[in-house]
Amino acid sequence: MAVYSEDPNIDAVGACVGNRGLRVSSIVAELG
């Protein structure tokens, strides 16, 4: 997945990963 933000203060990849990877890990769990 390719992500982008026009706001230089926002880390697009970091926002998707989440603190300690919590956001992406919950999605990975849903996807088995």
PDB file of all heavy atoms in Angstrom:
ATOM      1  N   MET A   1       0.842  -1.193   0.000  1.00  0.00           N
ATOM      2  CA  MET A   1       0.000   0.000   0.000  1.00  0.00           C
ATOM      3  C   MET A   1       0.876   1.241   0.000  1.00  0.00           C
ATOM      4  O   MET A   1       1.806   1.367   0.798  1.00  0.00           O
ATOM      5  CB  MET A   1      -0.910  -0.010   1.234  1.00  0.00           C
ATOM      6  CG  MET A   1      -1.909   1.122   1.265  1.00  0.00           C
ATOM      7  SD  MET A   1      -3.083   0.965   2.653  1.00  0.00           S
ATOM      8  CE  MET A   1      -2.038   1.449   4.036  1.00  0.00           C
ATOM      9  N   ALA A   2       0.577   2.172  -0.917  1.00  0.00           N
ATOM     10  CA  ALA A   2       1.306   3.432  -0.992  1.00  0.00           C
ATOM     11  C   ALA A   2       0.441   4.536  -0.401  1.00  0.00           C
ATOM     12  O   ALA A   2      -0.732   4.683  -0.761  1.00  0.00           O
ATOM     13  CB  ALA A   2       1.656   3.758  -2.439  1.00  0.00           C
ATOM     14  N   VAL A   3       1.010   5.313   0.522  1.00  0.00           N
ATOM     15  CA  VAL A   3       0.248   6.365   1.197  1.00  0.00           C
ATOM     16  C   VAL A   3       0.979   7.695   1.080  1.00  0.00           C
ATOM     17  O   VAL A   3       2.197   7.752   0.868  1.00  0.00           O
ATOM     18  CB  VAL A   3       0.011   6.024   2.688  1.00  0.00           C
ATOM     19  CG1 VAL A   3      -0.869   4.794   2.811  1.00  0.00           C
ATOM     20  CG2 VAL A   3       1.338   5.806   3.412  1.00  0.00           C
ATOM     21  N   TYR A   4       0.210   8.775   1.238  1.00  0.00           N
ATOM     22  CA  TYR A   4       0.779  10.113   1.063  1.00  0.00           C
ATOM     23  C   TYR A   4      -0.014  11.122   1.875  1.00  0.00           C
ATOM     24  O   TYR A   4      -1.223  10.974   2.070  1.00  0.00           O
ATOM     25  CB  TYR A   4       0.729  10.492  -0.420  1.00  0.00           C
ATOM     26  CG  TYR A   4       1.150  11.909  -0.727  1.00  0.00           C
ATOM     27  CD1 TYR A   4       2.490  12.272  -0.705  1.00  0.00           C
ATOM     28  CD2 TYR A   4       0.188  12.871  -1.034  1.00  0.00           C
ATOM     29  CE1 TYR A   4       2.867  13.574  -0.998  1.00  0.00           C
ATOM     30  CE2 TYR A   4       0.566  14.183  -1.321  1.00  0.00           C
ATOM     31  CZ  TYR A   4       1.909  14.522  -1.299  1.00  0.00           C
ATOM     32  OH  TYR A   4       2.288  15.811  -1.580  1.00  0.00           O
ATOM     33  N   SER A   5       0.678  12.138   2.350  1.00  0.00           N
ATOM     34  CA  SER A   5       0.022  13.245   3.036  1.00  0.00           C
ATOM     35  C   SER A   5       0.618  14.562   2.550  1.00  0.00           C
ATOM     36  O   SER A   5       1.841  14.690   2.438  1.00  0.00           O
ATOM     37  CB  SER A   5       0.181  13.135   4.556  1.00  0.00           C
ATOM     38  OG  SER A   5      -0.404  14.263   5.186  1.00  0.00           O
ATOM     39  N   GLU A   6      -0.264  15.515   2.255  1.00  0.00           N
ATOM     40  CA  GLU A   6       0.218  16.836   1.834  1.00  0.00           C
ATOM     41  C   GLU A   6       0.720  17.644   3.018  1.00  0.00           C
ATOM     42  O   GLU A   6       1.435  18.629   2.843  1.00  0.00           O
ATOM     43  CB  GLU A   6      -0.903  17.594   1.115  1.00  0.00           C
ATOM     44  CG  GLU A   6      -1.288  16.984  -0.236  1.00  0.00           C
ATOM     45  CD  GLU A   6      -2.314  17.838  -0.956  1.00  0.00           C
ATOM     46  OE1 GLU A   6      -2.813  18.811  -0.349  1.00  0.00           O
ATOM     47  OE2 GLU A   6      -2.609  17.531  -2.131  1.00  0.00           O
ATOM     48  N   ASP A   7       0.325  17.240   4.207  1.00  0.00           N
ATOM     49  CA  ASP A   7       0.760  17.939   5.413  1.00  0.00           C
ATOM     50  C   ASP A   7       2.147  17.433   5.808  1.00  0.00           C
ATOM     51  O   ASP A   7       2.306  16.266   6.175  1.00  0.00           O
ATOM     52  CB  ASP A   7      -0.236  17.677   6.546  1.00  0.00           C
ATOM     53  CG  ASP A   7       0.038  18.533   7.778  1.00  0.00           C
ATOM     54  OD1 ASP A   7       1.176  19.027   7.917  1.00  0.00           O
ATOM     55  OD2 ASP A   7      -0.880  18.701   8.605  1.00  0.00           O
ATOM     56  N   PRO A   8       3.156  18.296   5.740  1.00  0.00           N
ATOM     57  CA  PRO A   8       4.520  17.857   6.069  1.00  0.00           C
ATOM     58  C   PRO A   8       4.689  17.428   7.527  1.00  0.00           C
ATOM     59  O   PRO A   8       5.654  16.751   7.878  1.00  0.00           O
ATOM     60  CB  PRO A   8       5.373  19.097   5.764  1.00  0.00           C
ATOM     61  CG  PRO A   8       4.428  20.253   5.850  1.00  0.00           C
ATOM     62  CD  PRO A   8       3.108  19.731   5.396  1.00  0.00           C
ATOM     63  N   ASN A   9       3.743  17.811   8.374  1.00  0.00           N
ATOM     64  CA  ASN A   9       3.829  17.448   9.789  1.00  0.00           C
ATOM     65  C   ASN A   9       3.245  16.073  10.087  1.00  0.00           C
ATOM     66  O   ASN A   9       3.284  15.614  11.234  1.00  0.00           O
ATOM     67  CB  ASN A   9       3.104  18.502  10.637  1.00  0.00           C
ATOM     68  CG  ASN A   9       3.748  19.876  10.537  1.00  0.00           C
ATOM     69  OD1 ASN A   9       4.977  19.987  10.550  1.00  0.00           O
ATOM     70  ND2 ASN A   9       2.931  20.907  10.409  1.00  0.00           N
ATOM     71  N   ILE A  10       2.666  15.444   9.060  1.00  0.00           N
ATOM     72  CA  ILE A  10       2.067  14.126   9.263  1.00  0.00           C
ATOM     73  C   ILE A  10       2.915  13.067   8.583  1.00  0.00           C
ATOM     74  O   ILE A  10       3.222  13.161   7.382  1.00  0.00           O
ATOM     75  CB  ILE A  10       0.627  14.081   8.703  1.00  0.00           C
ATOM     76  CG1 ILE A  10      -0.281  15.023   9.495  1.00  0.00           C
ATOM     77  CG2 ILE A  10       0.071  12.659   8.739  1.00  0.00           C
ATOM     78  CD1 ILE A  10      -1.705  15.072   8.982  1.00  0.00           C
ATOM     79  N   ASP A  11       3.304  12.070   9.335  1.00  0.00           N
ATOM     80  CA  ASP A  11       4.024  10.913   8.792  1.00  0.00           C
ATOM     81  C   ASP A  11       2.970   9.908   8.323  1.00  0.00           C
ATOM     82  O   ASP A  11       2.339   9.226   9.136  1.00  0.00           O
ATOM     83  CB  ASP A  11       4.918  10.301   9.875  1.00  0.00           C
ATOM     84  CG  ASP A  11       5.629   9.044   9.413  1.00  0.00           C
ATOM     85  OD1 ASP A  11       5.508   8.686   8.209  1.00  0.00           O
ATOM     86  OD2 ASP A  11       6.286   8.397  10.243  1.00  0.00           O
ATOM     87  N   ALA A  12       2.776   9.838   7.004  1.00  0.00           N
ATOM     88  CA  ALA A  12       1.704   9.003   6.450  1.00  0.00           C
ATOM     89  C   ALA A  12       1.885   7.534   6.822  1.00  0.00           C
ATOM     90  O   ALA A  12       0.934   6.854   7.217  1.00  0.00           O
ATOM     91  CB  ALA A  12       1.637   9.168   4.933  1.00  0.00           C
ATOM     92  N   VAL A  13       3.115   7.046   6.689  1.00  0.00           N
ATOM     93  CA  VAL A  13       3.383   5.641   7.011  1.00  0.00           C
ATOM     94  C   VAL A  13       3.200   5.399   8.501  1.00  0.00           C
ATOM     95  O   VAL A  13       2.576   4.419   8.929  1.00  0.00           O
ATOM     96  CB  VAL A  13       4.806   5.237   6.561  1.00  0.00           C
ATOM     97  CG1 VAL A  13       5.131   3.821   7.032  1.00  0.00           C
ATOM     98  CG2 VAL A  13       4.929   5.346   5.048  1.00  0.00           C
ATOM     99  N   GLY A  14       3.745   6.306   9.321  1.00  0.00           N
ATOM    100  CA  GLY A  14       3.639   6.157  10.773  1.00  0.00           C
ATOM    101  C   GLY A  14       2.198   6.173  11.254  1.00  0.00           C
ATOM    102  O   GLY A  14       1.832   5.442  12.181  1.00  0.00           O
ATOM    103  N   ALA A  15       1.361   7.005  10.611  1.00  0.00           N
ATOM    104  CA  ALA A  15      -0.051   7.064  11.000  1.00  0.00           C
ATOM    105  C   ALA A  15      -0.734   5.725  10.754  1.00  0.00           C
ATOM    106  O   ALA A  15      -1.579   5.294  11.541  1.00  0.00           O
ATOM    107  CB  ALA A  15      -0.758   8.173  10.221  1.00  0.00           C
ATOM    108  N   CYS A  16      -0.373   5.072   9.650  1.00  0.00           N
ATOM    109  CA  CYS A  16      -0.987   3.780   9.319  1.00  0.00           C
ATOM    110  C   CYS A  16      -0.469   2.654  10.216  1.00  0.00           C
ATOM    111  O   CYS A  16      -1.220   1.738  10.561  1.00  0.00           O
ATOM    112  CB  CYS A  16      -0.718   3.429   7.854  1.00  0.00           C
ATOM    113  SG  CYS A  16      -1.498   4.566   6.697  1.00  0.00           S
ATOM    114  N   VAL A  17       0.791   2.747  10.586  1.00  0.00           N
ATOM    115  CA  VAL A  17       1.380   1.712  11.449  1.00  0.00           C
ATOM    116  C   VAL A  17       0.857   1.847  12.868  1.00  0.00           C
ATOM    117  O   VAL A  17       0.510   0.856  13.521  1.00  0.00           O
ATOM    118  CB  VAL A  17       2.917   1.794  11.413  1.00  0.00           C
ATOM    119  CG1 VAL A  17       3.519   0.846  12.448  1.00  0.00           C
ATOM    120  CG2 VAL A  17       3.440   1.473  10.018  1.00  0.00           C
ATOM    121  N   GLY A  18       0.788   3.097  13.350  1.00  0.00           N
ATOM    122  CA  GLY A  18       0.286   3.339  14.697  1.00  0.00           C
ATOM    123  C   GLY A  18       1.351   3.180  15.762  1.00  0.00           C
ATOM    124  O   GLY A  18       2.454   2.670  15.502  1.00  0.00           O
ATOM    125  N   ASN A  19       1.022   3.621  16.953  1.00  0.00           N
ATOM    126  CA  ASN A  19       1.948   3.535  18.076  1.00  0.00           C
ATOM    127  C   ASN A  19       2.256   2.068  18.374  1.00  0.00           C
ATOM    128  O   ASN A  19       1.360   1.271  18.633  1.00  0.00           O
ATOM    129  CB  ASN A  19       1.321   4.220  19.303  1.00  0.00           C
ATOM    130  CG  ASN A  19       2.270   4.292  20.469  1.00  0.00           C
ATOM    131  OD1 ASN A  19       3.496   4.317  20.296  1.00  0.00           O
ATOM    132  ND2 ASN A  19       1.721   4.313  21.675  1.00  0.00           N
ATOM    133  N   ARG A  20       3.533   1.734  18.310  1.00  0.00           N
ATOM    134  CA  ARG A  20       4.010   0.371  18.532  1.00  0.00           C
ATOM    135  C   ARG A  20       3.366  -0.633  17.561  1.00  0.00           C
ATOM    136  O   ARG A  20       3.264  -1.822  17.846  1.00  0.00           O
ATOM    137  CB  ARG A  20       3.743  -0.072  19.972  1.00  0.00           C
ATOM    138  CG  ARG A  20       4.462   0.773  21.008  1.00  0.00           C
ATOM    139  CD  ARG A  20       4.170   0.254  22.410  1.00  0.00           C
ATOM    140  NE  ARG A  20       4.825   1.088  23.428  1.00  0.00           N
ATOM    141  CZ  ARG A  20       4.716   0.888  24.741  1.00  0.00           C
ATOM    142  NH1 ARG A  20       3.971  -0.129  25.180  1.00  0.00           N
ATOM    143  NH2 ARG A  20       5.326   1.673  25.584  1.00  0.00           N
ATOM    144  N   GLY A  21       2.928  -0.098  16.414  1.00  0.00           N
ATOM    145  CA  GLY A  21       2.376  -0.976  15.382  1.00  0.00           C
ATOM    146  C   GLY A  21       0.988  -1.504  15.676  1.00  0.00           C
ATOM    147  O   GLY A  21       0.523  -2.458  15.038  1.00  0.00           O
ATOM    148  N   LEU A  22       0.280  -0.864  16.633  1.00  0.00           N
ATOM    149  CA  LEU A  22      -1.018  -1.385  17.059  1.00  0.00           C
ATOM    150  C   LEU A  22      -2.062  -1.337  15.941  1.00  0.00           C
ATOM    151  O   LEU A  22      -2.871  -2.252  15.789  1.00  0.00           O
ATOM    152  CB  LEU A  22      -1.531  -0.608  18.276  1.00  0.00           C
ATOM    153  CG  LEU A  22      -0.790  -0.868  19.595  1.00  0.00           C
ATOM    154  CD1 LEU A  22      -1.357   0.005  20.697  1.00  0.00           C
ATOM    155  CD2 LEU A  22      -0.918  -2.343  19.980  1.00  0.00           C
ATOM    156  N   ARG A  23      -2.048  -0.243  15.152  1.00  0.00           N
ATOM    157  CA  ARG A  23      -3.066  -0.104  14.105  1.00  0.00           C
ATOM    158  C   ARG A  23      -2.918  -1.169  13.023  1.00  0.00           C
ATOM    159  O   ARG A  23      -3.868  -1.851  12.665  1.00  0.00           O
ATOM    160  CB  ARG A  23      -3.000   1.293  13.487  1.00  0.00           C
ATOM    161  CG  ARG A  23      -3.468   2.395  14.422  1.00  0.00           C
ATOM    162  CD  ARG A  23      -3.291   3.772  13.806  1.00  0.00           C
ATOM    163  NE  ARG A  23      -3.827   4.820  14.681  1.00  0.00           N
ATOM    164  CZ  ARG A  23      -3.751   6.125  14.421  1.00  0.00           C
ATOM    165  NH1 ARG A  23      -3.149   6.543  13.297  1.00  0.00           N
ATOM    166  NH2 ARG A  23      -4.265   7.004  15.258  1.00  0.00           N
ATOM    167  N   VAL A  24      -1.727  -1.289  12.506  1.00  0.00           N
ATOM    168  CA  VAL A  24      -1.524  -2.252  11.419  1.00  0.00           C
ATOM    169  C   VAL A  24      -1.623  -3.690  11.922  1.00  0.00           C
ATOM    170  O   VAL A  24      -2.093  -4.579  11.205  1.00  0.00           O
ATOM    171  CB  VAL A  24      -0.179  -2.001  10.707  1.00  0.00           C
ATOM    172  CG1 VAL A  24       1.005  -2.437  11.561  1.00  0.00           C
ATOM    173  CG2 VAL A  24      -0.141  -2.723   9.365  1.00  0.00           C
ATOM    174  N   SER A  25      -1.223  -3.925  13.154  1.00  0.00           N
ATOM    175  CA  SER A  25      -1.259  -5.292  13.678  1.00  0.00           C
ATOM    176  C   SER A  25      -2.693  -5.793  13.833  1.00  0.00           C
ATOM    177  O   SER A  25      -2.979  -6.978  13.640  1.00  0.00           O
ATOM    178  CB  SER A  25      -0.529  -5.379  15.021  1.00  0.00           C
ATOM    179  OG  SER A  25      -1.138  -4.555  15.991  1.00  0.00           O
ATOM    180  N   SER A  26      -3.630  -4.897  14.175  1.00  0.00           N
ATOM    181  CA  SER A  26      -5.026  -5.315  14.295  1.00  0.00           C
ATOM    182  C   SER A  26      -5.591  -5.687  12.930  1.00  0.00           C
ATOM    183  O   SER A  26      -6.416  -6.598  12.810  1.00  0.00           O
ATOM    184  CB  SER A  26      -5.863  -4.204  14.931  1.00  0.00           C
ATOM    185  OG  SER A  26      -5.952  -3.081  14.080  1.00  0.00           O
ATOM    186  N   ILE A  27      -5.131  -4.988  11.892  1.00  0.00           N
ATOM    187  CA  ILE A  27      -5.582  -5.302  10.529  1.00  0.00           C
ATOM    188  C   ILE A  27      -4.977  -6.618  10.060  1.00  0.00           C
ATOM    189  O   ILE A  27      -5.653  -7.440   9.432  1.00  0.00           O
ATOM    190  CB  ILE A  27      -5.220  -4.147   9.570  1.00  0.00           C
ATOM    191  CG1 ILE A  27      -5.997  -2.893   9.973  1.00  0.00           C
ATOM    192  CG2 ILE A  27      -5.525  -4.526   8.115  1.00  0.00           C
ATOM    193  CD1 ILE A  27      -5.610  -1.651   9.213  1.00  0.00           C
ATOM    194  N   VAL A  28      -3.706  -6.822  10.379  1.00  0.00           N
ATOM    195  CA  VAL A  28      -3.048  -8.086  10.029  1.00  0.00           C
ATOM    196  C   VAL A  28      -3.769  -9.256  10.691  1.00  0.00           C
ATOM    197  O   VAL A  28      -3.972 -10.312  10.081  1.00  0.00           O
ATOM    198  CB  VAL A  28      -1.554  -8.059  10.453  1.00  0.00           C
ATOM    199  CG1 VAL A  28      -0.936  -9.447  10.336  1.00  0.00           C
ATOM    200  CG2 VAL A  28      -0.778  -7.074   9.586  1.00  0.00           C
ATOM    201  N   ALA A  29      -4.198  -9.065  11.925  1.00  0.00           N
ATOM    202  CA  ALA A  29      -4.932 -10.120  12.637  1.00  0.00           C
ATOM    203  C   ALA A  29      -6.254 -10.428  11.945  1.00  0.00           C
ATOM    204  O   ALA A  29      -6.650 -11.587  11.805  1.00  0.00           O
ATOM    205  CB  ALA A  29      -5.171  -9.698  14.088  1.00  0.00           C
ATOM    206  N   GLU A  30      -6.960  -9.380  11.496  1.00  0.00           N
ATOM    207  CA  GLU A  30      -8.230  -9.573  10.785  1.00  0.00           C
ATOM    208  C   GLU A  30      -8.010 -10.318   9.477  1.00  0.00           C
ATOM    209  O   GLU A  30      -8.872 -11.086   9.028  1.00  0.00           O
ATOM    210  CB  GLU A  30      -8.876  -8.204  10.510  1.00  0.00           C
ATOM    211  CG  GLU A  30     -10.176  -8.268   9.730  1.00  0.00           C
ATOM    212  CD  GLU A  30     -11.290  -8.963  10.492  1.00  0.00           C
ATOM    213  OE1 GLU A  30     -11.393  -8.768  11.724  1.00  0.00           O
ATOM    214  OE2 GLU A  30     -12.066  -9.705   9.864  1.00  0.00           O
ATOM    215  N   LEU A  31      -6.837 -10.117   8.883  1.00  0.00           N
ATOM    216  CA  LEU A  31      -6.524 -10.761   7.595  1.00  0.00           C
ATOM    217  C   LEU A  31      -5.853 -12.119   7.777  1.00  0.00           C
ATOM    218  O   LEU A  31      -5.360 -12.700   6.799  1.00  0.00           O
ATOM    219  CB  LEU A  31      -5.616  -9.846   6.767  1.00  0.00           C
ATOM    220  CG  LEU A  31      -6.203  -8.480   6.395  1.00  0.00           C
ATOM    221  CD1 LEU A  31      -5.171  -7.647   5.648  1.00  0.00           C
ATOM    222  CD2 LEU A  31      -7.458  -8.638   5.559  1.00  0.00           C
ATOM    223  N   GLY A  32      -5.819 -12.604   8.989  1.00  0.00           N
ATOM    224  CA  GLY A  32      -5.260 -13.938   9.218  1.00  0.00           C
ATOM    225  C   GLY A  32      -3.760 -14.012   9.042  1.00  0.00           C
ATOM    226  O   GLY A  32      -3.225 -15.045   8.637  1.00  0.00           O
TER     227      GLY A  32
END
